[in-house]
């Protein structure tokens, strides 16, 4: 007979609650805690007030190669690497701390949040499995996400070579229109 620790279970519930608060999907909760699926669903409903979303997790590493997703993913993974290199924080706790710092940076810089917690968690899995890697930009020397199998000797990042359509999103157009209306 297996003896359950109340403290251990409490920590798992606390971890799951924190993950739900950050927007983690049910599959991330299942992979990160030892709680049963039924308990996680109940906890999710209690925290969010709705059932967890259905469907598959994002699975394409190509999503991280787009200009804006790459900048945000690179920011997150650089924070993650710094935390794991210079502190004793590891695993899901390092992912949580890194994502919280990413959110603080996005808010302080008045940027749109591009990277969800689930995508950040998925990014770590892609890095761990060596599907994606970090490569240095030859111009600014910053480290950015790239496909592991790509030739990376002359990599120029999206900040040094901004695509011509960068920043021309629907959101940017709406914000520009709102600024024009306020000025008029």
N, C-alpha and C. Protein backbone atom coordinates (compact mmCIF):
# COMPACT_ATOMS: atom_id res chain seq x y z
N UNK A 1 0.84 -1.17 0.00
CA UNK A 1 0.00 0.00 0.00
C UNK A 1 0.89 1.25 0.00
N UNK A 2 0.60 2.19 -0.91
CA UNK A 2 1.38 3.40 -1.05
C UNK A 2 0.85 4.46 -0.08
N UNK A 3 1.75 5.07 0.68
CA UNK A 3 1.38 6.11 1.64
C UNK A 3 1.46 7.46 0.94
N UNK A 4 0.38 8.21 1.01
CA UNK A 4 0.33 9.53 0.40
C UNK A 4 0.76 10.58 1.42
N UNK A 5 1.55 11.50 0.98
CA UNK A 5 1.97 12.60 1.83
C UNK A 5 1.04 13.79 1.59
N UNK A 6 0.48 14.31 2.66
CA UNK A 6 -0.42 15.46 2.54
C UNK A 6 0.36 16.68 2.05
N UNK A 7 1.59 16.85 2.54
CA UNK A 7 2.40 17.98 2.10
C UNK A 7 2.74 17.88 0.61
N UNK A 8 3.08 16.68 0.16
CA UNK A 8 3.40 16.47 -1.24
C UNK A 8 2.18 16.75 -2.12
N UNK A 9 1.04 16.27 -1.71
CA UNK A 9 -0.19 16.51 -2.46
C UNK A 9 -0.54 17.99 -2.47
N UNK A 10 -0.33 18.66 -1.33
CA UNK A 10 -0.59 20.10 -1.26
C UNK A 10 0.30 20.87 -2.21
N UNK A 11 1.57 20.47 -2.30
CA UNK A 11 2.50 21.12 -3.23
C UNK A 11 2.06 20.89 -4.68
N UNK A 12 1.58 19.70 -4.99
CA UNK A 12 1.11 19.41 -6.34
C UNK A 12 -0.11 20.25 -6.69
N UNK A 13 -1.01 20.42 -5.73
CA UNK A 13 -2.20 21.26 -5.94
C UNK A 13 -1.79 22.72 -6.13
N UNK A 14 -0.83 23.18 -5.32
CA UNK A 14 -0.34 24.55 -5.44
C UNK A 14 0.32 24.77 -6.81
N UNK A 15 1.12 23.81 -7.25
CA UNK A 15 1.78 23.89 -8.55
C UNK A 15 0.74 23.92 -9.67
N UNK A 16 -0.24 23.03 -9.61
CA UNK A 16 -1.28 22.98 -10.64
C UNK A 16 -2.08 24.29 -10.68
N UNK A 17 -2.37 24.84 -9.51
CA UNK A 17 -3.11 26.11 -9.43
C UNK A 17 -2.30 27.23 -10.08
N UNK A 18 -1.00 27.27 -9.81
CA UNK A 18 -0.14 28.29 -10.39
C UNK A 18 -0.07 28.13 -11.91
N UNK A 19 0.02 26.89 -12.38
CA UNK A 19 0.06 26.63 -13.81
C UNK A 19 -1.24 27.05 -14.50
N UNK A 20 -2.36 26.74 -13.89
CA UNK A 20 -3.66 27.14 -14.45
C UNK A 20 -3.73 28.66 -14.51
N UNK A 21 -3.27 29.33 -13.46
CA UNK A 21 -3.27 30.79 -13.43
C UNK A 21 -2.44 31.41 -14.54
N UNK A 22 -1.38 30.72 -14.94
CA UNK A 22 -0.53 31.21 -16.03
C UNK A 22 -1.07 30.85 -17.41
N UNK A 23 -2.13 30.03 -17.43
CA UNK A 23 -2.75 29.68 -18.71
C UNK A 23 -2.34 28.34 -19.26
N UNK A 24 -1.75 27.48 -18.44
CA UNK A 24 -1.32 26.16 -18.93
C UNK A 24 -2.52 25.32 -19.31
N UNK A 25 -2.37 24.55 -20.37
CA UNK A 25 -3.41 23.62 -20.81
C UNK A 25 -3.38 22.37 -19.95
N UNK A 26 -4.44 21.59 -20.00
CA UNK A 26 -4.58 20.39 -19.18
C UNK A 26 -3.43 19.40 -19.41
N UNK A 27 -2.98 19.25 -20.66
CA UNK A 27 -1.90 18.33 -20.96
C UNK A 27 -0.60 18.74 -20.24
N UNK A 28 -0.37 20.03 -20.11
CA UNK A 28 0.81 20.52 -19.40
C UNK A 28 0.69 20.20 -17.91
N UNK A 29 -0.51 20.38 -17.37
CA UNK A 29 -0.76 20.05 -15.96
C UNK A 29 -0.49 18.57 -15.71
N UNK A 30 -0.98 17.72 -16.61
CA UNK A 30 -0.79 16.27 -16.45
C UNK A 30 0.70 15.90 -16.49
N UNK A 31 1.46 16.54 -17.36
CA UNK A 31 2.88 16.22 -17.49
C UNK A 31 3.71 16.79 -16.35
N UNK A 32 3.21 17.85 -15.70
CA UNK A 32 3.99 18.56 -14.69
C UNK A 32 3.66 18.20 -13.25
N UNK A 33 2.53 17.52 -13.03
CA UNK A 33 2.12 17.16 -11.67
C UNK A 33 1.83 15.68 -11.59
N UNK A 34 1.61 15.21 -10.36
CA UNK A 34 1.26 13.81 -10.16
C UNK A 34 -0.22 13.64 -9.87
N UNK A 35 -0.99 14.71 -10.00
CA UNK A 35 -2.42 14.65 -9.73
C UNK A 35 -3.15 13.93 -10.87
N UNK A 36 -4.26 13.30 -10.54
CA UNK A 36 -5.04 12.59 -11.55
C UNK A 36 -5.71 13.58 -12.49
N UNK A 37 -6.05 13.10 -13.67
CA UNK A 37 -6.72 13.94 -14.67
C UNK A 37 -8.03 14.50 -14.11
N UNK A 38 -8.78 13.67 -13.39
CA UNK A 38 -10.07 14.09 -12.83
C UNK A 38 -9.87 15.23 -11.83
N UNK A 39 -8.85 15.12 -10.97
CA UNK A 39 -8.58 16.18 -10.00
C UNK A 39 -8.12 17.46 -10.69
N UNK A 40 -7.33 17.31 -11.74
CA UNK A 40 -6.86 18.47 -12.48
C UNK A 40 -8.02 19.20 -13.17
N UNK A 41 -8.95 18.44 -13.72
CA UNK A 41 -10.13 19.04 -14.37
C UNK A 41 -10.95 19.80 -13.33
N UNK A 42 -11.17 19.19 -12.17
CA UNK A 42 -11.92 19.87 -11.10
C UNK A 42 -11.20 21.14 -10.65
N UNK A 43 -9.89 21.04 -10.48
CA UNK A 43 -9.10 22.18 -10.06
C UNK A 43 -9.14 23.29 -11.11
N UNK A 44 -9.03 22.92 -12.38
CA UNK A 44 -9.08 23.89 -13.47
C UNK A 44 -10.42 24.64 -13.44
N UNK A 45 -11.50 23.88 -13.31
CA UNK A 45 -12.84 24.49 -13.26
C UNK A 45 -12.97 25.43 -12.07
N UNK A 46 -12.40 25.05 -10.93
CA UNK A 46 -12.48 25.87 -9.73
C UNK A 46 -11.69 27.17 -9.89
N UNK A 47 -10.51 27.08 -10.50
CA UNK A 47 -9.65 28.25 -10.66
C UNK A 47 -10.17 29.17 -11.77
N UNK A 48 -10.49 28.61 -12.92
CA UNK A 48 -10.89 29.41 -14.08
C UNK A 48 -12.39 29.65 -14.20
N UNK A 49 -13.17 28.78 -13.58
CA UNK A 49 -14.62 28.91 -13.68
C UNK A 49 -15.20 28.29 -14.94
N UNK A 50 -14.37 27.67 -15.75
CA UNK A 50 -14.82 27.01 -16.98
C UNK A 50 -14.03 25.71 -17.14
N UNK A 51 -14.54 24.84 -17.99
CA UNK A 51 -13.83 23.59 -18.28
C UNK A 51 -12.56 23.88 -19.06
N UNK A 52 -11.55 23.02 -18.92
CA UNK A 52 -10.32 23.24 -19.70
C UNK A 52 -10.59 23.11 -21.19
N UNK A 53 -9.85 23.86 -22.01
CA UNK A 53 -10.05 23.76 -23.46
C UNK A 53 -9.68 22.37 -23.97
N UNK A 54 -10.38 21.96 -24.98
CA UNK A 54 -10.14 20.65 -25.58
C UNK A 54 -9.19 20.81 -26.76
N UNK A 55 -8.66 19.72 -27.24
CA UNK A 55 -7.82 19.77 -28.43
C UNK A 55 -6.36 19.51 -28.12
N UNK A 56 -5.61 19.41 -29.20
CA UNK A 56 -4.20 19.11 -29.10
C UNK A 56 -3.39 20.33 -28.71
N UNK A 57 -2.22 20.08 -28.14
CA UNK A 57 -1.27 21.16 -27.85
C UNK A 57 -0.64 21.62 -29.16
N UNK A 58 -0.13 22.86 -29.16
CA UNK A 58 0.60 23.29 -30.34
C UNK A 58 1.82 22.40 -30.51
N UNK A 59 2.06 21.91 -31.71
CA UNK A 59 3.13 20.93 -31.88
C UNK A 59 4.14 21.30 -32.96
N UNK A 60 3.94 22.36 -33.69
CA UNK A 60 4.84 22.68 -34.79
C UNK A 60 5.97 23.60 -34.32
N UNK A 61 7.19 23.15 -34.55
CA UNK A 61 8.33 24.00 -34.21
C UNK A 61 8.44 25.18 -35.17
N UNK A 62 7.79 25.09 -36.32
CA UNK A 62 7.83 26.18 -37.30
C UNK A 62 7.19 27.46 -36.78
N UNK A 63 6.23 27.33 -35.84
CA UNK A 63 5.59 28.53 -35.27
C UNK A 63 6.64 29.45 -34.67
N UNK A 64 7.67 28.90 -34.08
CA UNK A 64 8.71 29.69 -33.41
C UNK A 64 9.65 30.39 -34.38
N UNK A 65 9.52 30.11 -35.69
CA UNK A 65 10.41 30.70 -36.68
C UNK A 65 9.87 32.00 -37.26
N UNK A 66 8.59 32.30 -37.04
CA UNK A 66 8.03 33.57 -37.49
C UNK A 66 8.73 34.72 -36.77
N UNK A 67 8.75 35.91 -37.40
CA UNK A 67 9.51 37.03 -36.86
C UNK A 67 9.15 37.34 -35.41
N UNK A 68 7.90 37.67 -35.15
CA UNK A 68 7.49 38.07 -33.80
C UNK A 68 7.55 36.89 -32.81
N UNK A 69 7.01 35.72 -33.15
CA UNK A 69 7.16 34.59 -32.23
C UNK A 69 8.61 34.27 -31.91
N UNK A 70 9.51 34.41 -32.89
CA UNK A 70 10.91 34.11 -32.66
C UNK A 70 11.53 35.08 -31.66
N UNK A 71 11.18 36.35 -31.76
CA UNK A 71 11.73 37.35 -30.83
C UNK A 71 11.27 37.04 -29.40
N UNK A 72 9.97 36.75 -29.25
CA UNK A 72 9.42 36.47 -27.92
C UNK A 72 9.93 35.14 -27.37
N UNK A 73 9.98 34.12 -28.21
CA UNK A 73 10.49 32.82 -27.78
C UNK A 73 11.96 32.92 -27.41
N UNK A 74 12.73 33.68 -28.16
CA UNK A 74 14.15 33.86 -27.87
C UNK A 74 14.34 34.60 -26.55
N UNK A 75 13.52 35.61 -26.30
CA UNK A 75 13.56 36.32 -25.02
C UNK A 75 13.28 35.35 -23.88
N UNK A 76 12.22 34.56 -24.01
CA UNK A 76 11.87 33.61 -22.96
C UNK A 76 13.00 32.60 -22.73
N UNK A 77 13.51 32.01 -23.78
CA UNK A 77 14.50 30.94 -23.60
C UNK A 77 15.82 31.50 -23.05
N UNK A 78 16.15 32.74 -23.38
CA UNK A 78 17.34 33.36 -22.80
C UNK A 78 17.15 33.58 -21.29
N UNK A 79 15.96 33.99 -20.89
CA UNK A 79 15.65 34.13 -19.46
C UNK A 79 15.76 32.77 -18.79
N UNK A 80 15.17 31.75 -19.42
CA UNK A 80 15.19 30.39 -18.87
C UNK A 80 16.63 29.89 -18.71
N UNK A 81 17.43 30.08 -19.73
CA UNK A 81 18.83 29.62 -19.66
C UNK A 81 19.59 30.36 -18.57
N UNK A 82 19.36 31.65 -18.40
CA UNK A 82 20.02 32.41 -17.34
C UNK A 82 19.62 31.88 -15.96
N UNK A 83 18.33 31.65 -15.77
CA UNK A 83 17.84 31.15 -14.47
C UNK A 83 18.44 29.78 -14.16
N UNK A 84 18.45 28.88 -15.12
CA UNK A 84 18.95 27.53 -14.85
C UNK A 84 20.48 27.50 -14.71
N UNK A 85 21.16 28.47 -15.32
CA UNK A 85 22.61 28.50 -15.21
C UNK A 85 23.08 29.14 -13.90
N UNK A 86 22.36 30.17 -13.43
CA UNK A 86 22.85 30.93 -12.29
C UNK A 86 22.05 30.75 -10.99
N UNK A 87 21.04 29.90 -11.00
CA UNK A 87 20.29 29.60 -9.78
C UNK A 87 20.14 28.09 -9.66
N UNK A 88 19.54 27.67 -8.57
CA UNK A 88 19.30 26.23 -8.38
C UNK A 88 17.90 25.83 -8.84
N UNK A 89 17.17 26.74 -9.46
CA UNK A 89 15.80 26.46 -9.92
C UNK A 89 15.88 25.62 -11.19
N UNK A 90 15.09 24.54 -11.24
CA UNK A 90 15.10 23.62 -12.38
C UNK A 90 13.68 23.19 -12.73
N UNK A 91 13.55 22.50 -13.86
CA UNK A 91 12.29 21.88 -14.26
C UNK A 91 11.16 22.87 -14.45
N UNK A 92 9.98 22.44 -14.04
CA UNK A 92 8.78 23.25 -14.23
C UNK A 92 8.86 24.56 -13.43
N UNK A 93 9.55 24.53 -12.31
CA UNK A 93 9.70 25.76 -11.52
C UNK A 93 10.51 26.80 -12.29
N UNK A 94 11.54 26.37 -13.02
CA UNK A 94 12.32 27.29 -13.84
C UNK A 94 11.48 27.83 -15.00
N UNK A 95 10.64 26.99 -15.57
CA UNK A 95 9.75 27.43 -16.65
C UNK A 95 8.78 28.49 -16.12
N UNK A 96 8.21 28.25 -14.94
CA UNK A 96 7.27 29.20 -14.33
C UNK A 96 7.96 30.53 -14.07
N UNK A 97 9.11 30.50 -13.40
CA UNK A 97 9.84 31.74 -13.08
C UNK A 97 10.22 32.49 -14.35
N UNK A 98 10.70 31.77 -15.36
CA UNK A 98 11.10 32.40 -16.62
C UNK A 98 9.90 33.03 -17.31
N UNK A 99 8.77 32.34 -17.30
CA UNK A 99 7.58 32.88 -17.96
C UNK A 99 7.07 34.12 -17.21
N UNK A 100 7.13 34.09 -15.88
CA UNK A 100 6.72 35.27 -15.11
C UNK A 100 7.61 36.47 -15.43
N UNK A 101 8.91 36.25 -15.56
CA UNK A 101 9.82 37.33 -15.94
C UNK A 101 9.55 37.80 -17.37
N UNK A 102 9.25 36.86 -18.26
CA UNK A 102 8.88 37.23 -19.63
C UNK A 102 7.65 38.14 -19.61
N UNK A 103 6.62 37.76 -18.84
CA UNK A 103 5.40 38.57 -18.74
C UNK A 103 5.69 39.96 -18.18
N UNK A 104 6.55 40.03 -17.17
CA UNK A 104 6.92 41.33 -16.59
C UNK A 104 7.61 42.20 -17.63
N UNK A 105 8.51 41.61 -18.41
CA UNK A 105 9.21 42.37 -19.45
C UNK A 105 8.24 42.87 -20.52
N UNK A 106 7.34 42.01 -20.94
CA UNK A 106 6.36 42.38 -21.96
C UNK A 106 5.49 43.54 -21.46
N UNK A 107 5.05 43.43 -20.21
CA UNK A 107 4.21 44.50 -19.63
C UNK A 107 4.99 45.79 -19.47
N UNK A 108 6.21 45.72 -18.94
CA UNK A 108 7.02 46.92 -18.73
C UNK A 108 7.38 47.60 -20.04
N UNK A 109 7.52 46.82 -21.10
CA UNK A 109 7.86 47.37 -22.42
C UNK A 109 6.63 47.72 -23.24
N UNK A 110 5.45 47.49 -22.66
CA UNK A 110 4.17 47.78 -23.32
C UNK A 110 4.07 47.05 -24.66
N UNK A 111 4.44 45.77 -24.64
CA UNK A 111 4.37 44.93 -25.82
C UNK A 111 3.16 44.00 -25.74
N UNK A 112 2.78 43.47 -26.88
CA UNK A 112 1.72 42.46 -26.92
C UNK A 112 2.33 41.12 -26.51
N UNK A 113 1.64 40.36 -25.64
CA UNK A 113 2.13 39.04 -25.24
C UNK A 113 1.88 38.09 -26.42
N UNK A 114 2.94 37.53 -26.93
CA UNK A 114 2.87 36.62 -28.07
C UNK A 114 2.97 35.17 -27.60
N UNK A 115 3.78 34.92 -26.59
CA UNK A 115 4.09 33.57 -26.13
C UNK A 115 3.17 33.18 -24.98
N UNK A 116 2.37 32.14 -25.18
CA UNK A 116 1.54 31.61 -24.09
C UNK A 116 2.40 30.69 -23.23
N UNK A 117 1.93 30.39 -22.03
CA UNK A 117 2.68 29.48 -21.16
C UNK A 117 2.85 28.12 -21.83
N UNK A 118 1.78 27.63 -22.45
CA UNK A 118 1.84 26.32 -23.10
C UNK A 118 2.88 26.31 -24.21
N UNK A 119 2.96 27.38 -24.98
CA UNK A 119 3.98 27.45 -26.04
C UNK A 119 5.39 27.53 -25.43
N UNK A 120 5.54 28.26 -24.33
CA UNK A 120 6.84 28.34 -23.67
C UNK A 120 7.27 26.96 -23.18
N UNK A 121 6.34 26.22 -22.59
CA UNK A 121 6.60 24.87 -22.11
C UNK A 121 6.98 23.96 -23.29
N UNK A 122 6.25 24.10 -24.40
CA UNK A 122 6.53 23.32 -25.60
C UNK A 122 7.90 23.68 -26.17
N UNK A 123 8.24 24.95 -26.15
CA UNK A 123 9.55 25.40 -26.62
C UNK A 123 10.67 24.71 -25.84
N UNK A 124 10.52 24.64 -24.52
CA UNK A 124 11.53 23.95 -23.71
C UNK A 124 11.67 22.49 -24.13
N UNK A 125 10.56 21.86 -24.44
CA UNK A 125 10.61 20.46 -24.88
C UNK A 125 11.31 20.33 -26.23
N UNK A 126 11.06 21.28 -27.14
CA UNK A 126 11.75 21.27 -28.44
C UNK A 126 13.25 21.49 -28.27
N UNK A 127 13.63 22.37 -27.35
CA UNK A 127 15.06 22.61 -27.08
C UNK A 127 15.69 21.36 -26.47
N UNK A 128 15.01 20.77 -25.48
CA UNK A 128 15.54 19.56 -24.82
C UNK A 128 15.71 18.40 -25.79
N UNK A 129 14.79 18.28 -26.74
CA UNK A 129 14.86 17.17 -27.70
C UNK A 129 15.74 17.51 -28.91
N UNK A 130 16.33 18.69 -28.89
CA UNK A 130 17.25 19.15 -29.94
C UNK A 130 16.60 19.33 -31.31
N UNK A 131 15.29 19.58 -31.32
CA UNK A 131 14.59 19.93 -32.55
C UNK A 131 14.90 21.40 -32.87
N UNK A 132 14.93 22.22 -31.81
CA UNK A 132 15.30 23.63 -31.93
C UNK A 132 16.56 23.87 -31.11
N UNK A 133 17.28 24.92 -31.46
CA UNK A 133 18.51 25.27 -30.75
C UNK A 133 18.63 26.78 -30.69
N UNK A 134 19.65 27.24 -30.00
CA UNK A 134 19.96 28.67 -29.95
C UNK A 134 21.16 28.90 -30.86
N UNK A 135 21.12 29.99 -31.60
CA UNK A 135 22.24 30.34 -32.46
C UNK A 135 22.50 31.83 -32.32
N UNK A 136 23.75 32.23 -32.47
CA UNK A 136 24.13 33.63 -32.32
C UNK A 136 23.93 34.38 -33.63
N UNK A 137 23.45 35.61 -33.51
CA UNK A 137 23.34 36.50 -34.67
C UNK A 137 24.74 37.03 -34.98
N UNK A 138 25.11 37.02 -36.26
CA UNK A 138 26.45 37.48 -36.64
C UNK A 138 26.60 38.99 -36.49
N UNK A 139 25.49 39.73 -36.41
CA UNK A 139 25.57 41.19 -36.30
C UNK A 139 25.53 41.66 -34.86
N UNK A 140 24.52 41.26 -34.09
CA UNK A 140 24.36 41.76 -32.71
C UNK A 140 24.91 40.81 -31.66
N UNK A 141 25.22 39.59 -32.05
CA UNK A 141 25.76 38.54 -31.16
C UNK A 141 24.74 38.02 -30.15
N UNK A 142 23.47 38.43 -30.26
CA UNK A 142 22.41 37.90 -29.41
C UNK A 142 22.11 36.46 -29.82
N UNK A 143 21.47 35.71 -28.92
CA UNK A 143 21.15 34.31 -29.19
C UNK A 143 19.66 34.15 -29.47
N UNK A 144 19.34 33.46 -30.57
CA UNK A 144 17.97 33.35 -31.05
C UNK A 144 17.64 31.90 -31.39
N UNK A 145 16.34 31.59 -31.37
CA UNK A 145 15.84 30.25 -31.69
C UNK A 145 16.04 29.99 -33.18
N UNK A 146 16.48 28.77 -33.48
CA UNK A 146 16.64 28.35 -34.88
C UNK A 146 16.42 26.84 -34.94
N UNK A 147 16.10 26.34 -36.13
CA UNK A 147 16.00 24.90 -36.34
C UNK A 147 17.39 24.29 -36.16
N UNK A 148 17.46 23.17 -35.50
CA UNK A 148 18.75 22.51 -35.25
C UNK A 148 19.46 22.09 -36.52
N UNK A 149 18.70 21.74 -37.55
CA UNK A 149 19.31 21.24 -38.78
C UNK A 149 19.66 22.34 -39.79
N UNK A 150 19.30 23.59 -39.49
CA UNK A 150 19.63 24.69 -40.39
C UNK A 150 21.12 25.03 -40.29
N UNK A 151 21.68 25.52 -41.38
CA UNK A 151 23.05 26.02 -41.35
C UNK A 151 23.01 27.37 -40.65
N UNK A 152 23.82 27.51 -39.62
CA UNK A 152 23.70 28.70 -38.77
C UNK A 152 24.93 29.59 -38.76
N UNK A 153 25.85 29.39 -39.68
CA UNK A 153 27.10 30.14 -39.67
C UNK A 153 26.90 31.63 -39.99
N UNK A 154 25.87 31.98 -40.72
CA UNK A 154 25.64 33.38 -41.09
C UNK A 154 24.26 33.86 -40.64
N UNK A 155 23.81 33.41 -39.48
CA UNK A 155 22.47 33.75 -39.00
C UNK A 155 22.38 35.23 -38.63
N UNK A 156 21.38 35.92 -39.20
CA UNK A 156 21.08 37.30 -38.84
C UNK A 156 19.68 37.30 -38.24
N UNK A 157 19.56 37.84 -37.04
CA UNK A 157 18.29 37.78 -36.31
C UNK A 157 17.25 38.73 -36.90
N UNK A 158 16.03 38.58 -36.45
CA UNK A 158 14.93 39.41 -36.90
C UNK A 158 14.97 40.83 -36.39
N UNK A 159 15.82 41.11 -35.41
CA UNK A 159 15.97 42.49 -34.93
C UNK A 159 16.97 43.26 -35.79
N UNK A 160 18.01 42.58 -36.25
CA UNK A 160 19.01 43.21 -37.11
C UNK A 160 18.51 43.33 -38.55
N UNK A 161 17.67 42.41 -38.96
CA UNK A 161 17.12 42.41 -40.32
C UNK A 161 15.60 42.24 -40.19
N UNK A 162 14.94 43.35 -39.88
CA UNK A 162 13.49 43.32 -39.66
C UNK A 162 12.78 43.12 -40.99
N UNK A 163 11.87 42.13 -41.06
CA UNK A 163 11.12 41.92 -42.30
C UNK A 163 10.29 43.15 -42.65
N UNK A 164 10.06 43.35 -43.94
CA UNK A 164 9.35 44.55 -44.40
C UNK A 164 7.92 44.63 -43.86
N UNK A 165 7.29 43.51 -43.57
CA UNK A 165 5.91 43.52 -43.08
C UNK A 165 5.84 43.49 -41.55
N UNK A 166 6.96 43.51 -40.88
CA UNK A 166 6.99 43.43 -39.41
C UNK A 166 6.23 44.60 -38.80
N UNK A 167 5.39 44.29 -37.83
CA UNK A 167 4.63 45.32 -37.13
C UNK A 167 3.38 45.76 -37.86
N UNK A 168 3.09 45.17 -39.00
CA UNK A 168 1.91 45.56 -39.77
C UNK A 168 0.77 44.58 -39.51
N UNK A 169 0.53 44.29 -38.25
CA UNK A 169 -0.54 43.37 -37.85
C UNK A 169 -1.85 44.13 -37.74
N UNK A 170 -2.93 43.40 -37.64
CA UNK A 170 -4.24 44.02 -37.44
C UNK A 170 -4.25 44.82 -36.15
N UNK A 171 -3.62 44.28 -35.09
CA UNK A 171 -3.56 44.96 -33.81
C UNK A 171 -2.83 46.30 -33.93
N UNK A 172 -1.72 46.32 -34.64
CA UNK A 172 -0.95 47.56 -34.84
C UNK A 172 -1.77 48.58 -35.62
N UNK A 173 -2.51 48.11 -36.61
CA UNK A 173 -3.35 49.01 -37.40
C UNK A 173 -4.47 49.61 -36.54
N UNK A 174 -5.07 48.79 -35.69
CA UNK A 174 -6.12 49.28 -34.79
C UNK A 174 -5.57 50.30 -33.80
N UNK A 175 -4.39 50.05 -33.26
CA UNK A 175 -3.77 50.99 -32.32
C UNK A 175 -3.43 52.30 -33.00
N UNK A 176 -2.93 52.25 -34.23
CA UNK A 176 -2.60 53.46 -34.98
C UNK A 176 -3.86 54.27 -35.26
N UNK A 177 -4.94 53.59 -35.62
CA UNK A 177 -6.21 54.26 -35.89
C UNK A 177 -6.75 54.92 -34.62
N UNK A 178 -6.63 54.22 -33.48
CA UNK A 178 -7.07 54.78 -32.21
C UNK A 178 -6.27 56.03 -31.84
N UNK A 179 -4.95 56.01 -32.09
CA UNK A 179 -4.11 57.18 -31.81
C UNK A 179 -4.51 58.35 -32.69
N UNK A 180 -4.83 58.08 -33.96
CA UNK A 180 -5.26 59.14 -34.88
C UNK A 180 -6.56 59.77 -34.41
N UNK A 181 -7.49 58.93 -33.93
CA UNK A 181 -8.78 59.45 -33.47
C UNK A 181 -8.61 60.28 -32.21
N UNK A 182 -7.70 59.89 -31.33
CA UNK A 182 -7.45 60.65 -30.10
C UNK A 182 -6.81 61.99 -30.42
N UNK A 183 -5.95 62.03 -31.44
CA UNK A 183 -5.26 63.25 -31.82
C UNK A 183 -6.21 64.24 -32.51
N UNK A 184 -7.26 63.73 -33.14
CA UNK A 184 -8.17 64.60 -33.90
C UNK A 184 -9.14 65.34 -33.01
